[in-house]
């Protein structure tokens, strides 16, 4: 799948997809992804295995991640170049949201 199709399909990203990709700054097992998301969200997000593996399967099909087995034959997930471009695009979008939220927040406070 080419990058334009991937961007159209994923942007704006769901919070689940965003945090899963953020967790893949290095290759991780499924449980490692779940724990990393829980850690970086201060336990606000607790991903269920069905959600994680469903999202990972979709991302693999779309070329956002690759899957391989490590030396212990555990499944490991790694971001692809398309996935890197996707997460960087989404990070820029979120930065814009954050900037505008800070800029206009006072206008909504009484």
PDB file of N, CA and C in Angstrom:
ATOM      1  N   UNK A   1       0.855  -1.180   0.000  1.00  0.00           N
ATOM      2  CA  UNK A   1       0.000   0.000   0.000  1.00  0.00           C
ATOM      3  C   UNK A   1       0.901   1.243   0.000  1.00  0.00           C
ATOM      4  N   UNK A   2       0.528   2.253  -0.788  1.00  0.00           N
ATOM      5  CA  UNK A   2       1.380   3.446  -0.826  1.00  0.00           C
ATOM      6  C   UNK A   2       1.030   4.400   0.314  1.00  0.00           C
ATOM      7  N   UNK A   3       1.937   5.317   0.567  1.00  0.00           N
ATOM      8  CA  UNK A   3       1.832   6.192   1.738  1.00  0.00           C
ATOM      9  C   UNK A   3       0.564   7.048   1.702  1.00  0.00           C
ATOM     10  N   UNK A   4       0.179   7.520   0.526  1.00  0.00           N
ATOM     11  CA  UNK A   4      -1.017   8.370   0.445  1.00  0.00           C
ATOM     12  C   UNK A   4      -2.266   7.607   0.868  1.00  0.00           C
ATOM     13  N   UNK A   5      -2.378   6.357   0.450  1.00  0.00           N
ATOM     14  CA  UNK A   5      -3.528   5.535   0.852  1.00  0.00           C
ATOM     15  C   UNK A   5      -3.507   5.277   2.355  1.00  0.00           C
ATOM     16  N   UNK A   6      -2.318   5.023   2.885  1.00  0.00           N
ATOM     17  CA  UNK A   6      -2.191   4.775   4.320  1.00  0.00           C
ATOM     18  C   UNK A   6      -2.575   6.023   5.102  1.00  0.00           C
ATOM     19  N   UNK A   7      -2.079   7.187   4.685  1.00  0.00           N
ATOM     20  CA  UNK A   7      -2.411   8.432   5.378  1.00  0.00           C
ATOM     21  C   UNK A   7      -3.918   8.680   5.341  1.00  0.00           C
ATOM     22  N   UNK A   8      -4.514   8.456   4.195  1.00  0.00           N
ATOM     23  CA  UNK A   8      -5.958   8.676   4.054  1.00  0.00           C
ATOM     24  C   UNK A   8      -6.741   7.731   4.968  1.00  0.00           C
ATOM     25  N   UNK A   9      -6.255   6.510   5.099  1.00  0.00           N
ATOM     26  CA  UNK A   9      -6.943   5.497   5.904  1.00  0.00           C
ATOM     27  C   UNK A   9      -6.780   5.727   7.404  1.00  0.00           C
ATOM     28  N   UNK A  10      -5.616   6.237   7.844  1.00  0.00           N
ATOM     29  CA  UNK A  10      -5.309   6.313   9.268  1.00  0.00           C
ATOM     30  C   UNK A  10      -5.390   7.701   9.895  1.00  0.00           C
ATOM     31  N   UNK A  11      -5.278   8.766   9.110  1.00  0.00           N
ATOM     32  CA  UNK A  11      -5.245  10.117   9.681  1.00  0.00           C
ATOM     33  C   UNK A  11      -6.611  10.756   9.533  1.00  0.00           C
ATOM     34  N   UNK A  12      -7.226  11.216  10.637  1.00  0.00           N
ATOM     35  CA  UNK A  12      -6.711  11.213  11.999  1.00  0.00           C
ATOM     36  C   UNK A  12      -6.739   9.808  12.602  1.00  0.00           C
ATOM     37  N   UNK A  13      -5.753   9.521  13.433  1.00  0.00           N
ATOM     38  CA  UNK A  13      -5.621   8.205  14.036  1.00  0.00           C
ATOM     39  C   UNK A  13      -6.493   8.066  15.271  1.00  0.00           C
ATOM     40  N   UNK A  14      -6.891   6.835  15.525  1.00  0.00           N
ATOM     41  CA  UNK A  14      -7.529   6.559  16.810  1.00  0.00           C
ATOM     42  C   UNK A  14      -6.448   6.646  17.882  1.00  0.00           C
ATOM     43  N   UNK A  15      -6.858   6.884  19.084  1.00  0.00           N
ATOM     44  CA  UNK A  15      -5.899   6.952  20.186  1.00  0.00           C
ATOM     45  C   UNK A  15      -5.176   5.608  20.339  1.00  0.00           C
ATOM     46  N   UNK A  16      -5.908   4.516  20.156  1.00  0.00           N
ATOM     47  CA  UNK A  16      -5.305   3.184  20.250  1.00  0.00           C
ATOM     48  C   UNK A  16      -4.196   3.011  19.223  1.00  0.00           C
ATOM     49  N   UNK A  17      -4.476   3.307  17.964  1.00  0.00           N
ATOM     50  CA  UNK A  17      -3.472   3.164  16.906  1.00  0.00           C
ATOM     51  C   UNK A  17      -2.277   4.079  17.166  1.00  0.00           C
ATOM     52  N   UNK A  18      -2.544   5.302  17.607  1.00  0.00           N
ATOM     53  CA  UNK A  18      -1.482   6.260  17.890  1.00  0.00           C
ATOM     54  C   UNK A  18      -0.531   5.716  18.962  1.00  0.00           C
ATOM     55  N   UNK A  19      -1.092   5.244  20.054  1.00  0.00           N
ATOM     56  CA  UNK A  19      -0.250   4.747  21.137  1.00  0.00           C
ATOM     57  C   UNK A  19       0.463   3.448  20.776  1.00  0.00           C
ATOM     58  N   UNK A  20      -0.175   2.605  19.995  1.00  0.00           N
ATOM     59  CA  UNK A  20       0.503   1.386  19.550  1.00  0.00           C
ATOM     60  C   UNK A  20       1.724   1.759  18.715  1.00  0.00           C
ATOM     61  N   UNK A  21       1.552   2.675  17.758  1.00  0.00           N
ATOM     62  CA  UNK A  21       2.698   3.071  16.935  1.00  0.00           C
ATOM     63  C   UNK A  21       3.765   3.783  17.765  1.00  0.00           C
ATOM     64  N   UNK A  22       3.367   4.616  18.708  1.00  0.00           N
ATOM     65  CA  UNK A  22       4.358   5.258  19.586  1.00  0.00           C
ATOM     66  C   UNK A  22       5.176   4.215  20.336  1.00  0.00           C
ATOM     67  N   UNK A  23       4.546   3.103  20.665  1.00  0.00           N
ATOM     68  CA  UNK A  23       5.236   2.030  21.384  1.00  0.00           C
ATOM     69  C   UNK A  23       6.257   1.314  20.516  1.00  0.00           C
ATOM     70  N   UNK A  24       6.146   1.485  19.214  1.00  0.00           N
ATOM     71  CA  UNK A  24       7.048   0.786  18.307  1.00  0.00           C
ATOM     72  C   UNK A  24       8.245   1.639  17.897  1.00  0.00           C
ATOM     73  N   UNK A  25       8.673   2.524  18.807  1.00  0.00           N
ATOM     74  CA  UNK A  25       9.927   3.239  18.579  1.00  0.00           C
ATOM     75  C   UNK A  25      11.080   2.236  18.588  1.00  0.00           C
ATOM     76  N   UNK A  26      10.796   1.065  19.133  1.00  0.00           N
ATOM     77  CA  UNK A  26      11.700  -0.085  19.038  1.00  0.00           C
ATOM     78  C   UNK A  26      10.810  -1.324  18.909  1.00  0.00           C
ATOM     79  N   UNK A  27      11.315  -2.405  18.329  1.00  0.00           N
ATOM     80  CA  UNK A  27      10.493  -3.610  18.197  1.00  0.00           C
ATOM     81  C   UNK A  27      10.031  -4.123  19.562  1.00  0.00           C
ATOM     82  N   UNK A  28       8.767  -4.552  19.627  1.00  0.00           N
ATOM     83  CA  UNK A  28       8.216  -5.054  20.891  1.00  0.00           C
ATOM     84  C   UNK A  28       7.278  -6.229  20.643  1.00  0.00           C
ATOM     85  N   UNK A  29       7.135  -7.053  21.672  1.00  0.00           N
ATOM     86  CA  UNK A  29       6.112  -8.096  21.693  1.00  0.00           C
ATOM     87  C   UNK A  29       4.773  -7.439  21.998  1.00  0.00           C
ATOM     88  N   UNK A  30       3.686  -8.156  21.775  1.00  0.00           N
ATOM     89  CA  UNK A  30       2.359  -7.623  22.070  1.00  0.00           C
ATOM     90  C   UNK A  30       2.207  -7.171  23.509  1.00  0.00           C
ATOM     91  N   UNK A  31       2.654  -7.997  24.459  1.00  0.00           N
ATOM     92  CA  UNK A  31       2.547  -7.633  25.869  1.00  0.00           C
ATOM     93  C   UNK A  31       3.397  -6.399  26.179  1.00  0.00           C
ATOM     94  N   UNK A  32       4.545  -6.290  25.525  1.00  0.00           N
ATOM     95  CA  UNK A  32       5.398  -5.118  25.708  1.00  0.00           C
ATOM     96  C   UNK A  32       4.713  -3.843  25.234  1.00  0.00           C
ATOM     97  N   UNK A  33       3.952  -3.951  24.154  1.00  0.00           N
ATOM     98  CA  UNK A  33       3.183  -2.804  23.658  1.00  0.00           C
ATOM     99  C   UNK A  33       2.129  -2.401  24.692  1.00  0.00           C
ATOM    100  N   UNK A  34       1.389  -3.380  25.193  1.00  0.00           N
ATOM    101  CA  UNK A  34       0.341  -3.116  26.185  1.00  0.00           C
ATOM    102  C   UNK A  34       0.931  -2.417  27.413  1.00  0.00           C
ATOM    103  N   UNK A  35       2.039  -2.933  27.926  1.00  0.00           N
ATOM    104  CA  UNK A  35       2.668  -2.348  29.109  1.00  0.00           C
ATOM    105  C   UNK A  35       3.210  -0.949  28.824  1.00  0.00           C
ATOM    106  N   UNK A  36       3.823  -0.749  27.647  1.00  0.00           N
ATOM    107  CA  UNK A  36       4.370   0.562  27.301  1.00  0.00           C
ATOM    108  C   UNK A  36       3.257   1.601  27.216  1.00  0.00           C
ATOM    109  N   UNK A  37       2.158   1.252  26.566  1.00  0.00           N
ATOM    110  CA  UNK A  37       1.030   2.181  26.456  1.00  0.00           C
ATOM    111  C   UNK A  37       0.497   2.519  27.846  1.00  0.00           C
ATOM    112  N   UNK A  38       0.374   1.529  28.690  1.00  0.00           N
ATOM    113  CA  UNK A  38      -0.104   1.767  30.049  1.00  0.00           C
ATOM    114  C   UNK A  38       0.858   2.706  30.792  1.00  0.00           C
ATOM    115  N   UNK A  39       2.154   2.478  30.636  1.00  0.00           N
ATOM    116  CA  UNK A  39       3.165   3.311  31.306  1.00  0.00           C
ATOM    117  C   UNK A  39       3.127   4.753  30.820  1.00  0.00           C
ATOM    118  N   UNK A  40       3.153   4.959  29.498  1.00  0.00           N
ATOM    119  CA  UNK A  40       3.245   6.333  28.989  1.00  0.00           C
ATOM    120  C   UNK A  40       1.931   7.103  29.118  1.00  0.00           C
ATOM    121  N   UNK A  41       0.815   6.390  29.328  1.00  0.00           N
ATOM    122  CA  UNK A  41      -0.471   7.078  29.523  1.00  0.00           C
ATOM    123  C   UNK A  41      -0.836   7.162  31.010  1.00  0.00           C
ATOM    124  N   UNK A  42       0.134   6.865  31.889  1.00  0.00           N
ATOM    125  CA  UNK A  42      -0.118   6.865  33.332  1.00  0.00           C
ATOM    126  C   UNK A  42      -1.329   6.005  33.696  1.00  0.00           C
ATOM    127  N   UNK A  43      -1.423   4.851  33.048  1.00  0.00           N
ATOM    128  CA  UNK A  43      -2.495   3.861  33.258  1.00  0.00           C
ATOM    129  C   UNK A  43      -3.875   4.335  32.827  1.00  0.00           C
ATOM    130  N   UNK A  44      -3.961   5.456  32.122  1.00  0.00           N
ATOM    131  CA  UNK A  44      -5.254   5.923  31.606  1.00  0.00           C
ATOM    132  C   UNK A  44      -5.750   4.983  30.520  1.00  0.00           C
ATOM    133  N   UNK A  45      -4.817   4.450  29.742  1.00  0.00           N
ATOM    134  CA  UNK A  45      -5.182   3.549  28.654  1.00  0.00           C
ATOM    135  C   UNK A  45      -4.690   2.151  29.000  1.00  0.00           C
ATOM    136  N   UNK A  46      -5.637   1.233  29.054  1.00  0.00           N
ATOM    137  CA  UNK A  46      -5.323  -0.176  29.292  1.00  0.00           C
ATOM    138  C   UNK A  46      -5.908  -0.950  28.124  1.00  0.00           C
ATOM    139  N   UNK A  47      -5.038  -1.288  27.200  1.00  0.00           N
ATOM    140  CA  UNK A  47      -5.482  -1.947  25.977  1.00  0.00           C
ATOM    141  C   UNK A  47      -5.771  -3.424  26.216  1.00  0.00           C
ATOM    142  N   UNK A  48      -6.910  -3.872  25.713  1.00  0.00           N
ATOM    143  CA  UNK A  48      -7.226  -5.292  25.754  1.00  0.00           C
ATOM    144  C   UNK A  48      -6.505  -6.007  24.628  1.00  0.00           C
ATOM    145  N   UNK A  49      -6.264  -7.291  24.823  1.00  0.00           N
ATOM    146  CA  UNK A  49      -5.508  -8.033  23.807  1.00  0.00           C
ATOM    147  C   UNK A  49      -6.242  -8.074  22.467  1.00  0.00           C
ATOM    148  N   UNK A  50      -7.562  -8.179  22.482  1.00  0.00           N
ATOM    149  CA  UNK A  50      -8.312  -8.188  21.227  1.00  0.00           C
ATOM    150  C   UNK A  50      -8.131  -6.903  20.443  1.00  0.00           C
ATOM    151  N   UNK A  51      -8.161  -5.791  21.144  1.00  0.00           N
ATOM    152  CA  UNK A  51      -7.965  -4.480  20.517  1.00  0.00           C
ATOM    153  C   UNK A  51      -6.557  -4.373  19.938  1.00  0.00           C
ATOM    154  N   UNK A  52      -5.569  -4.755  20.730  1.00  0.00           N
ATOM    155  CA  UNK A  52      -4.174  -4.643  20.292  1.00  0.00           C
ATOM    156  C   UNK A  52      -3.923  -5.528  19.078  1.00  0.00           C
ATOM    157  N   UNK A  53      -4.285  -6.797  19.184  1.00  0.00           N
ATOM    158  CA  UNK A  53      -3.974  -7.714  18.090  1.00  0.00           C
ATOM    159  C   UNK A  53      -4.805  -7.435  16.850  1.00  0.00           C
ATOM    160  N   UNK A  54      -6.027  -6.946  17.021  1.00  0.00           N
ATOM    161  CA  UNK A  54      -6.829  -6.539  15.870  1.00  0.00           C
ATOM    162  C   UNK A  54      -6.200  -5.363  15.138  1.00  0.00           C
ATOM    163  N   UNK A  55      -5.746  -4.376  15.901  1.00  0.00           N
ATOM    164  CA  UNK A  55      -5.092  -3.198  15.312  1.00  0.00           C
ATOM    165  C   UNK A  55      -3.765  -3.585  14.665  1.00  0.00           C
ATOM    166  N   UNK A  56      -2.980  -4.425  15.330  1.00  0.00           N
ATOM    167  CA  UNK A  56      -1.692  -4.865  14.770  1.00  0.00           C
ATOM    168  C   UNK A  56      -1.892  -5.644  13.468  1.00  0.00           C
ATOM    169  N   UNK A  57      -2.907  -6.488  13.422  1.00  0.00           N
ATOM    170  CA  UNK A  57      -3.190  -7.252  12.201  1.00  0.00           C
ATOM    171  C   UNK A  57      -3.540  -6.322  11.051  1.00  0.00           C
ATOM    172  N   UNK A  58      -4.379  -5.330  11.328  1.00  0.00           N
ATOM    173  CA  UNK A  58      -4.745  -4.342  10.306  1.00  0.00           C
ATOM    174  C   UNK A  58      -3.511  -3.557   9.842  1.00  0.00           C
ATOM    175  N   UNK A  59      -2.683  -3.142  10.793  1.00  0.00           N
ATOM    176  CA  UNK A  59      -1.482  -2.376  10.448  1.00  0.00           C
ATOM    177  C   UNK A  59      -0.505  -3.215   9.625  1.00  0.00           C
ATOM    178  N   UNK A  60      -0.401  -4.488   9.945  1.00  0.00           N
ATOM    179  CA  UNK A  60       0.477  -5.370   9.165  1.00  0.00           C
ATOM    180  C   UNK A  60      -0.039  -5.490   7.734  1.00  0.00           C
ATOM    181  N   UNK A  61      -1.325  -5.690   7.590  1.00  0.00           N
ATOM    182  CA  UNK A  61      -1.938  -5.820   6.264  1.00  0.00           C
ATOM    183  C   UNK A  61      -1.708  -4.553   5.422  1.00  0.00           C
ATOM    184  N   UNK A  62      -1.701  -3.411   6.086  1.00  0.00           N
ATOM    185  CA  UNK A  62      -1.537  -2.131   5.390  1.00  0.00           C
ATOM    186  C   UNK A  62      -0.076  -1.714   5.227  1.00  0.00           C
ATOM    187  N   UNK A  63       0.869  -2.530   5.699  1.00  0.00           N
ATOM    188  CA  UNK A  63       2.286  -2.224   5.526  1.00  0.00           C
ATOM    189  C   UNK A  63       2.837  -1.214   6.509  1.00  0.00           C
ATOM    190  N   UNK A  64       2.107  -0.956   7.586  1.00  0.00           N
ATOM    191  CA  UNK A  64       2.528   0.016   8.596  1.00  0.00           C
ATOM    192  C   UNK A  64       3.548  -0.618   9.548  1.00  0.00           C
ATOM    193  N   UNK A  65       3.392  -1.911   9.780  1.00  0.00           N
ATOM    194  CA  UNK A  65       4.324  -2.656  10.629  1.00  0.00           C
ATOM    195  C   UNK A  65       4.685  -3.971   9.937  1.00  0.00           C
ATOM    196  N   UNK A  66       5.767  -4.584  10.418  1.00  0.00           N
ATOM    197  CA  UNK A  66       6.097  -5.944  10.013  1.00  0.00           C
ATOM    198  C   UNK A  66       6.123  -6.801  11.268  1.00  0.00           C
ATOM    199  N   UNK A  67       5.957  -8.099  11.052  1.00  0.00           N
ATOM    200  CA  UNK A  67       5.904  -9.039  12.157  1.00  0.00           C
ATOM    201  C   UNK A  67       6.957 -10.102  11.914  1.00  0.00           C
ATOM    202  N   UNK A  68       7.689 -10.448  12.957  1.00  0.00           N
ATOM    203  CA  UNK A  68       8.666 -11.526  12.842  1.00  0.00           C
ATOM    204  C   UNK A  68       8.783 -12.234  14.184  1.00  0.00           C
ATOM    205  N   UNK A  69       9.460 -13.350  14.203  1.00  0.00           N
ATOM    206  CA  UNK A  69       9.666 -14.103  15.440  1.00  0.00           C
ATOM    207  C   UNK A  69      11.089 -13.866  15.932  1.00  0.00           C
ATOM    208  N   UNK A  70      11.242 -13.667  17.234  1.00  0.00           N
ATOM    209  CA  UNK A  70      12.577 -13.489  17.809  1.00  0.00           C
ATOM    210  C   UNK A  70      13.212 -14.855  18.080  1.00  0.00           C
ATOM    211  N   UNK A  71      14.372 -14.822  18.737  1.00  0.00           N
ATOM    212  CA  UNK A  71      15.107 -16.067  18.991  1.00  0.00           C
ATOM    213  C   UNK A  71      14.328 -17.050  19.872  1.00  0.00           C
ATOM    214  N   UNK A  72      13.358 -16.545  20.648  1.00  0.00           N
ATOM    215  CA  UNK A  72      12.518 -17.409  21.480  1.00  0.00           C
ATOM    216  C   UNK A  72      11.211 -17.779  20.777  1.00  0.00           C
ATOM    217  N   UNK A  73      11.135 -17.449  19.506  1.00  0.00           N
ATOM    218  CA  UNK A  73       9.952 -17.681  18.683  1.00  0.00           C
ATOM    219  C   UNK A  73       8.721 -16.910  19.164  1.00  0.00           C
ATOM    220  N   UNK A  74       8.965 -15.805  19.854  1.00  0.00           N
ATOM    221  CA  UNK A  74       7.876 -14.917  20.238  1.00  0.00           C
ATOM    222  C   UNK A  74       7.635 -13.939  19.095  1.00  0.00           C
ATOM    223  N   UNK A  75       6.400 -13.547  18.924  1.00  0.00           N
ATOM    224  CA  UNK A  75       6.048 -12.610  17.856  1.00  0.00           C
ATOM    225  C   UNK A  75       6.477 -11.200  18.248  1.00  0.00           C
ATOM    226  N   UNK A  76       7.189 -10.552  17.323  1.00  0.00           N
ATOM    227  CA  UNK A  76       7.698  -9.190  17.549  1.00  0.00           C
ATOM    228  C   UNK A  76       7.144  -8.295  16.442  1.00  0.00           C
ATOM    229  N   UNK A  77       6.782  -7.069  16.832  1.00  0.00           N
ATOM    230  CA  UNK A  77       6.226  -6.095  15.897  1.00  0.00           C
ATOM    231  C   UNK A  77       7.216  -4.958  15.724  1.00  0.00           C
ATOM    232  N   UNK A  78       7.381  -4.519  14.463  1.00  0.00           N
ATOM    233  CA  UNK A  78       8.327  -3.443  14.160  1.00  0.00           C
ATOM    234  C   UNK A  78       7.695  -2.504  13.140  1.00  0.00           C
ATOM    235  N   UNK A  79       7.910  -1.218  13.329  1.00  0.00           N
ATOM    236  CA  UNK A  79       7.351  -0.211  12.426  1.00  0.00           C
ATOM    237  C   UNK A  79       8.129  -0.211  11.108  1.00  0.00           C
ATOM    238  N   UNK A  80       7.428   0.033  10.010  1.00  0.00           N
ATOM    239  CA  UNK A  80       8.056   0.134   8.685  1.00  0.00           C
ATOM    240  C   UNK A  80       8.321   1.598   8.356  1.00  0.00           C
ATOM    241  N   UNK A  81       8.940   1.834   7.224  1.00  0.00           N
ATOM    242  CA  UNK A  81       9.160   3.210   6.778  1.00  0.00           C
ATOM    243  C   UNK A  81       7.821   3.920   6.564  1.00  0.00           C
ATOM    244  N   UNK A  82       6.856   3.228   5.994  1.00  0.00           N
ATOM    245  CA  UNK A  82       5.517   3.816   5.830  1.00  0.00           C
ATOM    246  C   UNK A  82       4.931   4.149   7.197  1.00  0.00           C
ATOM    247  N   UNK A  83       5.102   3.253   8.166  1.00  0.00           N
ATOM    248  CA  UNK A  83       4.619   3.498   9.521  1.00  0.00           C
ATOM    249  C   UNK A  83       5.280   4.702  10.162  1.00  0.00           C
ATOM    250  N   UNK A  84       6.581   4.869   9.917  1.00  0.00           N
ATOM    251  CA  UNK A  84       7.300   6.039  10.457  1.00  0.00           C
ATOM    252  C   UNK A  84       6.739   7.330   9.872  1.00  0.00           C
ATOM    253  N   UNK A  85       6.510   7.328   8.582  1.00  0.00           N
ATOM    254  CA  UNK A  85       5.941   8.531   7.947  1.00  0.00           C
ATOM    255  C   UNK A  85       4.538   8.804   8.485  1.00  0.00           C
ATOM    256  N   UNK A  86       3.778   7.748   8.705  1.00  0.00           N
ATOM    257  CA  UNK A  86       2.429   7.882   9.253  1.00  0.00           C
ATOM    258  C   UNK A  86       2.461   8.499  10.650  1.00  0.00           C
ATOM    259  N   UNK A  87       3.269   7.954  11.556  1.00  0.00           N
ATOM    260  CA  UNK A  87       3.280   8.465  12.928  1.00  0.00           C
ATOM    261  C   UNK A  87       3.822   9.899  12.964  1.00  0.00           C
ATOM    262  N   UNK A  88       4.806  10.217  12.134  1.00  0.00           N
ATOM    263  CA  UNK A  88       5.313  11.594  12.107  1.00  0.00           C
ATOM    264  C   UNK A  88       4.256  12.565  11.585  1.00  0.00           C
ATOM    265  N   UNK A  89       3.471  12.142  10.610  1.00  0.00           N
ATOM    266  CA  UNK A  89       2.372  12.980  10.105  1.00  0.00           C
ATOM    267  C   UNK A  89       1.350  13.212  11.206  1.00  0.00           C
ATOM    268  N   UNK A  90       1.009  12.157  11.918  1.00  0.00           N
ATOM    269  CA  UNK A  90       0.026  12.281  13.000  1.00  0.00           C
ATOM    270  C   UNK A  90       0.573  13.121  14.151  1.00  0.00           C
ATOM    271  N   UNK A  91       1.841  12.985  14.468  1.00  0.00           N
ATOM    272  CA  UNK A  91       2.444  13.808  15.521  1.00  0.00           C
ATOM    273  C   UNK A  91       2.340  15.288  15.152  1.00  0.00           C
ATOM    274  N   UNK A  92       2.593  15.634  13.894  1.00  0.00           N
ATOM    275  CA  UNK A  92       2.463  17.029  13.471  1.00  0.00           C
ATOM    276  C   UNK A  92       1.023  17.517  13.612  1.00  0.00           C
ATOM    277  N   UNK A  93       0.062  16.662  13.271  1.00  0.00           N
ATOM    278  CA  UNK A  93      -1.356  17.021  13.404  1.00  0.00           C
ATOM    279  C   UNK A  93      -1.711  17.256  14.874  1.00  0.00           C
ATOM    280  N   UNK A  94      -1.225  16.386  15.750  1.00  0.00           N
ATOM    281  CA  UNK A  94      -1.504  16.519  17.181  1.00  0.00           C
ATOM    282  C   UNK A  94      -0.823  17.771  17.748  1.00  0.00           C
ATOM    283  N   UNK A  95       0.368  18.082  17.282  1.00  0.00           N
ATOM    284  CA  UNK A  95       1.039  19.313  17.721  1.00  0.00           C
ATOM    285  C   UNK A  95       0.205  20.544  17.352  1.00  0.00           C
ATOM    286  N   UNK A  96      -0.372  20.535  16.152  1.00  0.00           N
ATOM    287  CA  UNK A  96      -1.230  21.651  15.748  1.00  0.00           C
ATOM    288  C   UNK A  96      -2.453  21.739  16.656  1.00  0.00           C
ATOM    289  N   UNK A  97      -3.074  20.586  16.942  1.00  0.00           N
ATOM    290  CA  UNK A  97      -4.217  20.566  17.862  1.00  0.00           C
ATOM    291  C   UNK A  97      -3.828  21.144  19.216  1.00  0.00           C
ATOM    292  N   UNK A  98      -2.691  20.708  19.724  1.00  0.00           N
ATOM    293  CA  UNK A  98      -2.222  21.188  21.032  1.00  0.00           C
ATOM    294  C   UNK A  98      -1.989  22.692  21.012  1.00  0.00           C
ATOM    295  N   UNK A  99      -1.312  23.172  19.985  1.00  0.00           N
ATOM    296  CA  UNK A  99      -1.037  24.607  19.866  1.00  0.00           C
ATOM    297  C   UNK A  99      -2.346  25.402  19.863  1.00  0.00           C
ATOM    298  N   UNK A 100      -3.309  24.961  19.057  1.00  0.00           N
ATOM    299  CA  UNK A 100      -4.579  25.689  18.971  1.00  0.00           C
ATOM    300  C   UNK A 100      -5.385  25.571  20.262  1.00  0.00           C
ATOM    301  N   UNK A 101      -5.303  24.445  20.941  1.00  0.00           N
ATOM    302  CA  UNK A 101      -5.997  24.293  22.222  1.00  0.00           C
ATOM    303  C   UNK A 101      -5.449  25.291  23.235  1.00  0.00           C
ATOM    304  N   UNK A 102      -4.140  25.412  23.311  1.00  0.00           N
ATOM    305  CA  UNK A 102      -3.509  26.356  24.245  1.00  0.00           C
ATOM    306  C   UNK A 102      -3.861  27.789  23.856  1.00  0.00           C
ATOM    307  N   UNK A 103      -3.807  28.079  22.556  1.00  0.00           N
ATOM    308  CA  UNK A 103      -4.082  29.432  22.069  1.00  0.00           C
ATOM    309  C   UNK A 103      -5.494  29.888  22.407  1.00  0.00           C
ATOM    310  N   UNK A 104      -6.470  29.003  22.261  1.00  0.00           N
ATOM    311  CA  UNK A 104      -7.864  29.409  22.398  1.00  0.00           C
ATOM    312  C   UNK A 104      -8.519  29.002  23.726  1.00  0.00           C
ATOM    313  N   UNK A 105      -7.793  28.338  24.585  1.00  0.00           N
ATOM    314  CA  UNK A 105      -8.372  27.846  25.830  1.00  0.00           C
ATOM    315  C   UNK A 105      -8.997  28.959  26.673  1.00  0.00           C
ATOM    316  N   UNK A 106      -8.301  30.065  26.809  1.00  0.00           N
ATOM    317  CA  UNK A 106      -8.806  31.164  27.656  1.00  0.00           C
ATOM    318  C   UNK A 106     -10.148  31.690  27.192  1.00  0.00           C
ATOM    319  N   UNK A 107     -10.406  31.650  25.895  1.00  0.00           N
ATOM    320  CA  UNK A 107     -11.668  32.177  25.358  1.00  0.00           C
ATOM    321  C   UNK A 107     -12.880  31.388  25.842  1.00  0.00           C
ATOM    322  N   UNK A 108     -12.656  30.195  26.374  1.00  0.00           N
ATOM    323  CA  UNK A 108     -13.762  29.355  26.820  1.00  0.00           C
ATOM    324  C   UNK A 108     -13.899  29.303  28.332  1.00  0.00           C
ATOM    325  N   UNK A 109     -12.985  29.970  29.031  1.00  0.00           N
ATOM    326  CA  UNK A 109     -13.060  29.965  30.480  1.00  0.00           C
ATOM    327  C   UNK A 109     -13.852  31.173  30.965  1.00  0.00           C
ATOM    328  N   UNK A 110     -14.662  30.956  31.972  1.00  0.00           N
ATOM    329  CA  UNK A 110     -15.526  32.034  32.474  1.00  0.00           C
ATOM    330  C   UNK A 110     -14.796  32.885  33.488  1.00  0.00           C
TER     331      UNK A 110
END
